[in-house]
Amino acid sequence: MNAADETTVLEEIRELLSAPAEGAGAPTLARLEDTLTEGYAQALALEAERIRLERRLGEVAREAGGGDPSRLSAELASLAGRLTSADGELAKLRALLGSLYERTRTRRRLAAQN
C-alpha cells in the first residue's frame, strides 16, 4: 500500500467519524464496515513494513564490522527514520480504527433494533 492509499483511508475514516451517527447523512453500515476492513488491511500492511524494517536494521547492524561505515550509518539512520514514521502512522491508524469500530458497532446495534 502506498502513501496515497494510506492517506485516502485515513481521510475516509475521519470523514465517517465526523458524519452523523444516525439519521439523515449517516453513512450506511456497509460503508462503515468496508472502510473498517480497508483500515485493518492498511494496519496489517504497516505492521508488515515494520517487520521488514526491523529485520533490515538487524542485517545492517550485523554488517557493521565489515562494511563501509558511512554507508551503514546512513542506512541505519534511514531505516530508523522509516521505522519511526511507520510507528507513528500505525498508532494514528489504530486510534482511528478504534473509534470507527465503536461507531460501526453502535450502528449494527441500531440496525438490529429496527
Protein backbone atom coordinates (compact mmCIF):
# COMPACT_ATOMS: atom_id res chain seq x y z
CA MET A 1 0.00 0.00 0.00
CA ASN A 2 1.46 3.36 -0.96
CA ALA A 3 1.30 6.68 0.90
CA ALA A 4 -1.60 7.95 -1.23
CA ASP A 5 -3.66 4.87 -0.35
CA GLU A 6 -2.83 5.33 3.33
CA THR A 7 -3.88 8.98 3.24
CA THR A 8 -7.10 8.11 1.42
CA VAL A 9 -8.08 5.50 4.01
CA LEU A 10 -7.28 7.88 6.89
CA GLU A 11 -9.34 10.62 5.23
CA GLU A 12 -12.23 8.21 4.66
CA ILE A 13 -12.18 7.15 8.32
CA ARG A 14 -12.08 10.76 9.50
CA GLU A 15 -14.97 11.62 7.18
CA LEU A 16 -17.06 8.75 8.54
CA LEU A 17 -16.30 9.71 12.12
CA SER A 18 -17.34 13.31 11.51
CA ALA A 19 -20.63 12.26 9.85
CA PRO A 20 -23.81 11.93 11.90
CA ALA A 21 -24.05 8.62 13.76
CA GLU A 22 -27.67 8.14 12.74
CA GLY A 23 -30.42 9.76 10.74
CA ALA A 24 -30.01 11.80 7.59
CA GLY A 25 -26.44 11.98 6.40
CA ALA A 26 -25.31 8.99 8.43
CA PRO A 27 -23.13 6.56 6.49
CA THR A 28 -24.54 3.13 5.78
CA LEU A 29 -23.47 0.16 7.83
CA ALA A 30 -21.96 -1.36 4.67
CA ARG A 31 -19.79 1.72 4.13
CA LEU A 32 -18.64 1.69 7.74
CA GLU A 33 -17.75 -2.00 7.54
CA ASP A 34 -15.98 -1.65 4.17
CA THR A 35 -13.87 1.23 5.44
CA LEU A 36 -13.12 -0.64 8.65
CA THR A 37 -11.92 -3.60 6.58
CA GLU A 38 -9.74 -1.33 4.43
CA GLY A 39 -8.31 0.24 7.57
CA TYR A 40 -7.47 -3.14 9.07
CA ALA A 41 -5.79 -4.15 5.81
CA GLN A 42 -3.73 -0.97 5.91
CA ALA A 43 -2.76 -1.64 9.54
CA LEU A 44 -1.59 -5.13 8.59
CA ALA A 45 0.45 -3.68 5.71
CA LEU A 46 2.08 -1.16 8.07
CA GLU A 47 2.86 -3.91 10.57
CA ALA A 48 4.45 -5.98 7.79
CA GLU A 49 6.52 -2.96 6.75
CA ARG A 50 7.65 -2.51 10.37
CA ILE A 51 8.78 -6.14 10.48
CA ARG A 52 10.73 -5.73 7.22
CA LEU A 53 12.38 -2.56 8.54
CA GLU A 54 13.30 -4.20 11.85
CA ARG A 55 14.72 -7.19 10.02
CA ARG A 56 16.79 -4.93 7.77
CA LEU A 57 18.01 -2.95 10.79
CA GLY A 58 19.31 -6.21 12.25
CA GLU A 59 21.02 -7.13 8.99
CA VAL A 60 22.72 -3.75 8.71
CA ALA A 61 23.82 -3.91 12.34
CA ARG A 62 25.41 -7.31 11.69
CA GLU A 63 27.23 -5.89 8.65
CA ALA A 64 28.70 -3.07 10.75
CA GLY A 65 32.03 -4.82 11.23
CA GLY A 66 32.75 -5.43 7.56
CA GLY A 67 31.11 -2.69 5.53
CA ASP A 68 31.62 0.94 4.69
CA PRO A 69 30.89 2.75 7.98
CA SER A 70 29.44 5.88 6.37
CA ARG A 71 27.08 3.87 4.13
CA LEU A 72 26.00 1.68 7.03
CA SER A 73 25.46 4.70 9.26
CA ALA A 74 23.34 6.40 6.57
CA GLU A 75 21.29 3.26 6.02
CA LEU A 76 20.75 2.79 9.76
CA ALA A 77 19.58 6.39 10.07
CA SER A 78 17.24 5.98 7.10
CA LEU A 79 15.79 2.72 8.43
CA ALA A 80 15.34 4.18 11.91
CA GLY A 81 13.51 7.18 10.45
CA ARG A 82 11.24 4.98 8.36
CA LEU A 83 10.52 2.77 11.38
CA THR A 84 9.64 5.81 13.49
CA SER A 85 7.35 7.06 10.73
CA ALA A 86 5.65 3.66 10.39
CA ASP A 87 5.16 3.52 14.18
CA GLY A 88 3.53 6.95 14.13
CA GLU A 89 1.25 6.09 11.22
CA LEU A 90 0.28 2.81 12.82
CA ALA A 91 -0.55 4.48 16.15
CA LYS A 92 -2.66 7.11 14.38
CA LEU A 93 -4.45 4.48 12.30
CA ARG A 94 -5.12 2.23 15.30
CA ALA A 95 -6.69 5.12 17.23
CA LEU A 96 -8.95 5.99 14.30
CA LEU A 97 -9.84 2.34 13.74
CA GLY A 98 -10.82 2.01 17.39
CA SER A 99 -13.22 4.93 17.04
CA LEU A 100 -14.57 3.62 13.74
CA TYR A 101 -15.04 0.17 15.25
CA GLU A 102 -17.14 1.66 18.06
CA ARG A 103 -19.18 3.70 15.56
CA THR A 104 -19.76 0.56 13.45
CA ARG A 105 -20.73 -1.48 16.49
CA THR A 106 -23.27 1.15 17.53
CA ARG A 107 -24.66 1.26 14.01
CA ARG A 108 -25.04 -2.54 13.99
CA ARG A 109 -26.98 -2.38 17.25
CA LEU A 110 -29.30 0.29 15.84
CA ALA A 111 -29.86 -1.75 12.67
CA ALA A 112 -30.70 -4.84 14.72
CA GLN A 113 -33.31 -2.90 16.73
CA ASN A 114 -35.16 -1.77 13.59
